[in-house]
Amino acid sequence: HGRGGLLKDPSAAMGLLWIRRSIAFNAALFASVAASAKRDAAAPRRACLAAYAKELEPYHGWTLRRVYRLGLPRGMLPRQAFLARLAASESDADVQAAVEDMRAL
């Protein structure tokens, strides 16, 4: 790294830093969706925006912030469909298992 603890860009260290940020984003997203009410269809959209604001937005420039703020919520499924995609099947037991796995993160 450079003087004052600054990482070179591009570098392997910078790549690892972005991987860590991405993992933190996903962990925050999953924790929020897992904690949401079963009938809260919009929970993934709100969780996605909150996780982005906390974990990634501070490191993005103006253009990426606008792209993410517009694109991320549009790509999020309603809560039940989101969980069904993460579960082994759409059965209630598998969806509940997926929620428990997300809480364990």
N, C-alpha and C. Protein backbone atom coordinates (compact mmCIF):
# COMPACT_ATOMS: atom_id res chain seq x y z
N HIS A 1 0.83 -1.18 0.00
CA HIS A 1 0.00 0.00 0.00
C HIS A 1 0.88 1.24 0.00
N GLY A 2 0.24 2.35 -0.25
CA GLY A 2 0.98 3.61 -0.33
C GLY A 2 1.13 4.29 1.02
N ARG A 3 1.66 5.48 0.97
CA ARG A 3 1.85 6.27 2.19
C ARG A 3 0.51 6.53 2.88
N GLY A 4 0.54 6.52 4.18
CA GLY A 4 -0.68 6.80 4.94
C GLY A 4 -1.68 5.67 4.92
N GLY A 5 -1.25 4.48 4.54
CA GLY A 5 -2.15 3.32 4.53
C GLY A 5 -3.09 3.26 3.34
N LEU A 6 -2.82 4.03 2.27
CA LEU A 6 -3.68 4.00 1.09
C LEU A 6 -3.32 2.82 0.21
N LEU A 7 -4.33 2.13 -0.26
CA LEU A 7 -4.12 0.98 -1.14
C LEU A 7 -3.95 1.44 -2.58
N LYS A 8 -3.09 0.76 -3.31
CA LYS A 8 -2.96 1.04 -4.74
C LYS A 8 -4.21 0.54 -5.45
N ASP A 9 -4.59 1.24 -6.47
CA ASP A 9 -5.76 0.84 -7.25
C ASP A 9 -5.38 0.83 -8.72
N PRO A 10 -5.34 -0.28 -9.38
CA PRO A 10 -5.79 -1.59 -8.95
C PRO A 10 -4.70 -2.36 -8.20
N SER A 11 -5.14 -3.21 -7.31
CA SER A 11 -4.23 -4.12 -6.60
C SER A 11 -5.06 -5.26 -6.03
N ALA A 12 -4.38 -6.32 -5.65
CA ALA A 12 -5.07 -7.46 -5.04
C ALA A 12 -5.70 -7.04 -3.72
N ALA A 13 -5.03 -6.19 -2.98
CA ALA A 13 -5.58 -5.72 -1.70
C ALA A 13 -6.87 -4.95 -1.92
N MET A 14 -6.92 -4.12 -2.96
CA MET A 14 -8.14 -3.37 -3.25
C MET A 14 -9.25 -4.33 -3.67
N GLY A 15 -8.91 -5.35 -4.42
CA GLY A 15 -9.90 -6.37 -4.79
C GLY A 15 -10.47 -7.06 -3.56
N LEU A 16 -9.62 -7.42 -2.62
CA LEU A 16 -10.08 -8.05 -1.38
C LEU A 16 -10.96 -7.10 -0.57
N LEU A 17 -10.63 -5.83 -0.57
CA LEU A 17 -11.44 -4.86 0.14
C LEU A 17 -12.85 -4.80 -0.45
N TRP A 18 -12.96 -4.81 -1.77
CA TRP A 18 -14.28 -4.77 -2.40
C TRP A 18 -15.04 -6.07 -2.18
N ILE A 19 -14.35 -7.19 -2.12
CA ILE A 19 -15.02 -8.45 -1.78
C ILE A 19 -15.60 -8.37 -0.38
N ARG A 20 -14.81 -7.82 0.57
CA ARG A 20 -15.30 -7.68 1.94
C ARG A 20 -16.52 -6.77 1.99
N ARG A 21 -16.48 -5.69 1.26
CA ARG A 21 -17.62 -4.77 1.22
C ARG A 21 -18.86 -5.45 0.63
N SER A 22 -18.67 -6.24 -0.41
CA SER A 22 -19.78 -6.96 -1.03
C SER A 22 -20.38 -7.99 -0.08
N ILE A 23 -19.54 -8.69 0.64
CA ILE A 23 -20.03 -9.66 1.63
C ILE A 23 -20.80 -8.94 2.73
N ALA A 24 -20.31 -7.81 3.19
CA ALA A 24 -21.01 -7.03 4.21
C ALA A 24 -22.37 -6.55 3.70
N PHE A 25 -22.43 -6.15 2.43
CA PHE A 25 -23.69 -5.74 1.82
C PHE A 25 -24.69 -6.90 1.84
N ASN A 26 -24.25 -8.08 1.39
CA ASN A 26 -25.15 -9.23 1.36
C ASN A 26 -25.58 -9.65 2.75
N ALA A 27 -24.67 -9.62 3.71
CA ALA A 27 -25.02 -9.99 5.09
C ALA A 27 -26.07 -9.03 5.65
N ALA A 28 -25.92 -7.73 5.40
CA ALA A 28 -26.89 -6.75 5.87
C ALA A 28 -28.25 -6.94 5.18
N LEU A 29 -28.22 -7.21 3.89
CA LEU A 29 -29.45 -7.46 3.14
C LEU A 29 -30.18 -8.67 3.70
N PHE A 30 -29.48 -9.79 3.85
CA PHE A 30 -30.10 -11.02 4.34
C PHE A 30 -30.61 -10.87 5.76
N ALA A 31 -29.85 -10.20 6.62
CA ALA A 31 -30.29 -10.02 8.01
C ALA A 31 -31.58 -9.21 8.07
N SER A 32 -31.68 -8.19 7.26
CA SER A 32 -32.87 -7.35 7.26
C SER A 32 -34.08 -8.09 6.70
N VAL A 33 -33.90 -8.84 5.63
CA VAL A 33 -35.02 -9.61 5.06
C VAL A 33 -35.45 -10.69 6.05
N ALA A 34 -34.50 -11.36 6.68
CA ALA A 34 -34.83 -12.41 7.65
C ALA A 34 -35.61 -11.86 8.83
N ALA A 35 -35.33 -10.62 9.21
CA ALA A 35 -36.01 -10.01 10.36
C ALA A 35 -37.36 -9.39 9.99
N SER A 36 -37.67 -9.32 8.72
CA SER A 36 -38.90 -8.65 8.29
C SER A 36 -40.12 -9.56 8.49
N ALA A 37 -41.29 -8.92 8.52
CA ALA A 37 -42.55 -9.65 8.67
C ALA A 37 -42.84 -10.48 7.43
N LYS A 38 -43.49 -11.63 7.62
CA LYS A 38 -43.78 -12.53 6.51
C LYS A 38 -44.59 -11.88 5.40
N ARG A 39 -45.48 -10.98 5.75
CA ARG A 39 -46.35 -10.36 4.75
C ARG A 39 -45.80 -9.05 4.20
N ASP A 40 -44.59 -8.72 4.54
CA ASP A 40 -43.98 -7.46 4.08
C ASP A 40 -43.31 -7.68 2.73
N ALA A 41 -44.09 -7.58 1.67
CA ALA A 41 -43.59 -7.88 0.33
C ALA A 41 -42.46 -6.95 -0.09
N ALA A 42 -42.46 -5.71 0.39
CA ALA A 42 -41.46 -4.73 -0.03
C ALA A 42 -40.18 -4.79 0.80
N ALA A 43 -40.10 -5.70 1.75
CA ALA A 43 -38.92 -5.78 2.64
C ALA A 43 -37.60 -5.91 1.88
N PRO A 44 -37.50 -6.76 0.86
CA PRO A 44 -36.21 -6.85 0.16
C PRO A 44 -35.78 -5.54 -0.50
N ARG A 45 -36.73 -4.78 -1.02
CA ARG A 45 -36.37 -3.50 -1.64
C ARG A 45 -35.81 -2.53 -0.61
N ARG A 46 -36.50 -2.40 0.52
CA ARG A 46 -36.01 -1.51 1.57
C ARG A 46 -34.69 -2.00 2.14
N ALA A 47 -34.58 -3.31 2.34
CA ALA A 47 -33.36 -3.90 2.88
C ALA A 47 -32.19 -3.67 1.94
N CYS A 48 -32.44 -3.79 0.65
CA CYS A 48 -31.40 -3.60 -0.35
C CYS A 48 -30.88 -2.16 -0.33
N LEU A 49 -31.79 -1.20 -0.28
CA LEU A 49 -31.38 0.20 -0.25
C LEU A 49 -30.65 0.54 1.05
N ALA A 50 -31.12 0.01 2.17
CA ALA A 50 -30.46 0.27 3.45
C ALA A 50 -29.06 -0.35 3.49
N ALA A 51 -28.94 -1.58 3.00
CA ALA A 51 -27.64 -2.24 2.97
C ALA A 51 -26.68 -1.51 2.03
N TYR A 52 -27.20 -1.07 0.90
CA TYR A 52 -26.36 -0.30 -0.03
C TYR A 52 -25.87 0.99 0.61
N ALA A 53 -26.79 1.72 1.25
CA ALA A 53 -26.43 2.99 1.88
C ALA A 53 -25.36 2.80 2.95
N LYS A 54 -25.45 1.71 3.67
CA LYS A 54 -24.50 1.47 4.77
C LYS A 54 -23.16 0.93 4.29
N GLU A 55 -23.19 -0.03 3.38
CA GLU A 55 -21.98 -0.79 3.06
C GLU A 55 -21.25 -0.38 1.79
N LEU A 56 -21.95 0.12 0.80
CA LEU A 56 -21.30 0.40 -0.49
C LEU A 56 -21.34 1.86 -0.92
N GLU A 57 -22.44 2.54 -0.65
CA GLU A 57 -22.60 3.90 -1.14
C GLU A 57 -21.46 4.85 -0.74
N PRO A 58 -20.94 4.75 0.48
CA PRO A 58 -19.86 5.69 0.84
C PRO A 58 -18.62 5.59 -0.05
N TYR A 59 -18.48 4.49 -0.77
CA TYR A 59 -17.28 4.26 -1.59
C TYR A 59 -17.54 4.44 -3.08
N HIS A 60 -18.77 4.78 -3.44
CA HIS A 60 -19.13 4.99 -4.84
C HIS A 60 -19.15 6.47 -5.17
N GLY A 61 -18.84 6.77 -6.40
CA GLY A 61 -18.95 8.14 -6.88
C GLY A 61 -20.40 8.48 -7.22
N TRP A 62 -20.61 9.70 -7.66
CA TRP A 62 -21.94 10.21 -7.93
C TRP A 62 -22.69 9.33 -8.94
N THR A 63 -22.05 8.96 -10.03
CA THR A 63 -22.71 8.20 -11.10
C THR A 63 -23.15 6.83 -10.60
N LEU A 64 -22.25 6.09 -9.95
CA LEU A 64 -22.62 4.77 -9.45
C LEU A 64 -23.71 4.85 -8.39
N ARG A 65 -23.70 5.87 -7.57
CA ARG A 65 -24.75 6.04 -6.57
C ARG A 65 -26.11 6.15 -7.24
N ARG A 66 -26.18 6.94 -8.30
CA ARG A 66 -27.46 7.11 -9.01
C ARG A 66 -27.88 5.80 -9.67
N VAL A 67 -26.96 5.12 -10.31
CA VAL A 67 -27.28 3.86 -10.98
C VAL A 67 -27.79 2.83 -9.97
N TYR A 68 -27.09 2.68 -8.86
CA TYR A 68 -27.50 1.70 -7.85
C TYR A 68 -28.83 2.08 -7.21
N ARG A 69 -29.02 3.34 -6.90
CA ARG A 69 -30.27 3.79 -6.26
C ARG A 69 -31.48 3.55 -7.17
N LEU A 70 -31.29 3.63 -8.48
CA LEU A 70 -32.38 3.38 -9.41
C LEU A 70 -32.53 1.90 -9.74
N GLY A 71 -31.42 1.21 -9.93
CA GLY A 71 -31.47 -0.16 -10.40
C GLY A 71 -31.69 -1.23 -9.35
N LEU A 72 -31.08 -1.08 -8.20
CA LEU A 72 -31.19 -2.12 -7.18
C LEU A 72 -32.62 -2.41 -6.75
N PRO A 73 -33.41 -1.41 -6.40
CA PRO A 73 -34.77 -1.72 -5.96
C PRO A 73 -35.63 -2.35 -7.04
N ARG A 74 -35.40 -1.96 -8.27
CA ARG A 74 -36.20 -2.51 -9.37
C ARG A 74 -35.92 -3.99 -9.60
N GLY A 75 -34.73 -4.43 -9.26
CA GLY A 75 -34.36 -5.82 -9.47
C GLY A 75 -34.73 -6.75 -8.33
N MET A 76 -35.23 -6.18 -7.24
CA MET A 76 -35.55 -7.00 -6.08
C MET A 76 -36.95 -7.60 -6.19
N LEU A 77 -37.04 -8.86 -5.86
CA LEU A 77 -38.33 -9.56 -5.88
C LEU A 77 -39.09 -9.28 -4.59
N PRO A 78 -40.41 -9.50 -4.59
CA PRO A 78 -41.15 -9.44 -3.33
C PRO A 78 -40.60 -10.48 -2.35
N ARG A 79 -40.83 -10.29 -1.07
CA ARG A 79 -40.21 -11.11 -0.02
C ARG A 79 -40.39 -12.61 -0.27
N GLN A 80 -41.60 -13.05 -0.52
CA GLN A 80 -41.84 -14.49 -0.66
C GLN A 80 -41.09 -15.06 -1.86
N ALA A 81 -41.09 -14.36 -2.98
CA ALA A 81 -40.38 -14.82 -4.17
C ALA A 81 -38.86 -14.79 -3.94
N PHE A 82 -38.39 -13.76 -3.25
CA PHE A 82 -36.96 -13.65 -2.91
C PHE A 82 -36.52 -14.86 -2.09
N LEU A 83 -37.30 -15.18 -1.05
CA LEU A 83 -36.95 -16.32 -0.20
C LEU A 83 -37.08 -17.65 -0.94
N ALA A 84 -38.07 -17.76 -1.80
CA ALA A 84 -38.25 -19.00 -2.57
C ALA A 84 -37.06 -19.26 -3.48
N ARG A 85 -36.46 -18.20 -4.02
CA ARG A 85 -35.28 -18.36 -4.88
C ARG A 85 -34.07 -18.84 -4.09
N LEU A 86 -34.00 -18.47 -2.81
CA LEU A 86 -32.86 -18.85 -1.98
C LEU A 86 -33.05 -20.23 -1.33
N ALA A 87 -34.29 -20.68 -1.24
CA ALA A 87 -34.59 -21.95 -0.58
C ALA A 87 -34.38 -23.12 -1.54
N ALA A 88 -34.26 -24.31 -0.95
CA ALA A 88 -34.08 -25.52 -1.76
C ALA A 88 -35.32 -25.80 -2.60
N SER A 89 -36.49 -25.45 -2.10
CA SER A 89 -37.74 -25.57 -2.83
C SER A 89 -38.69 -24.48 -2.32
N GLU A 90 -39.88 -24.41 -2.86
CA GLU A 90 -40.82 -23.39 -2.44
C GLU A 90 -41.67 -23.83 -1.25
N SER A 91 -41.39 -24.99 -0.69
CA SER A 91 -42.16 -25.45 0.47
C SER A 91 -41.92 -24.53 1.66
N ASP A 92 -42.91 -24.44 2.52
CA ASP A 92 -42.79 -23.57 3.70
C ASP A 92 -41.60 -23.97 4.56
N ALA A 93 -41.34 -25.26 4.69
CA ALA A 93 -40.23 -25.73 5.52
C ALA A 93 -38.89 -25.28 4.93
N ASP A 94 -38.73 -25.39 3.63
CA ASP A 94 -37.47 -24.98 3.00
C ASP A 94 -37.29 -23.46 3.03
N VAL A 95 -38.38 -22.72 2.85
CA VAL A 95 -38.30 -21.26 2.94
C VAL A 95 -37.93 -20.85 4.35
N GLN A 96 -38.53 -21.49 5.36
CA GLN A 96 -38.19 -21.18 6.74
C GLN A 96 -36.74 -21.54 7.04
N ALA A 97 -36.25 -22.63 6.48
CA ALA A 97 -34.85 -23.01 6.66
C ALA A 97 -33.92 -21.96 6.05
N ALA A 98 -34.32 -21.41 4.91
CA ALA A 98 -33.52 -20.34 4.28
C ALA A 98 -33.50 -19.10 5.17
N VAL A 99 -34.63 -18.77 5.77
CA VAL A 99 -34.69 -17.62 6.68
C VAL A 99 -33.77 -17.85 7.88
N GLU A 100 -33.80 -19.04 8.43
CA GLU A 100 -32.93 -19.36 9.58
C GLU A 100 -31.46 -19.29 9.18
N ASP A 101 -31.14 -19.76 7.99
CA ASP A 101 -29.76 -19.67 7.51
C ASP A 101 -29.32 -18.20 7.37
N MET A 102 -30.22 -17.35 6.89
CA MET A 102 -29.90 -15.93 6.74
C MET A 102 -29.69 -15.29 8.12
N ARG A 103 -30.49 -15.69 9.09
CA ARG A 103 -30.33 -15.15 10.45
C ARG A 103 -28.99 -15.56 11.05
N ALA A 104 -28.51 -16.73 10.66
CA ALA A 104 -27.25 -17.26 11.21
C ALA A 104 -26.03 -16.51 10.68
N LEU A 105 -26.20 -15.77 9.60
CA LEU A 105 -25.07 -15.02 9.04
C LEU A 105 -24.65 -14.02 10.04
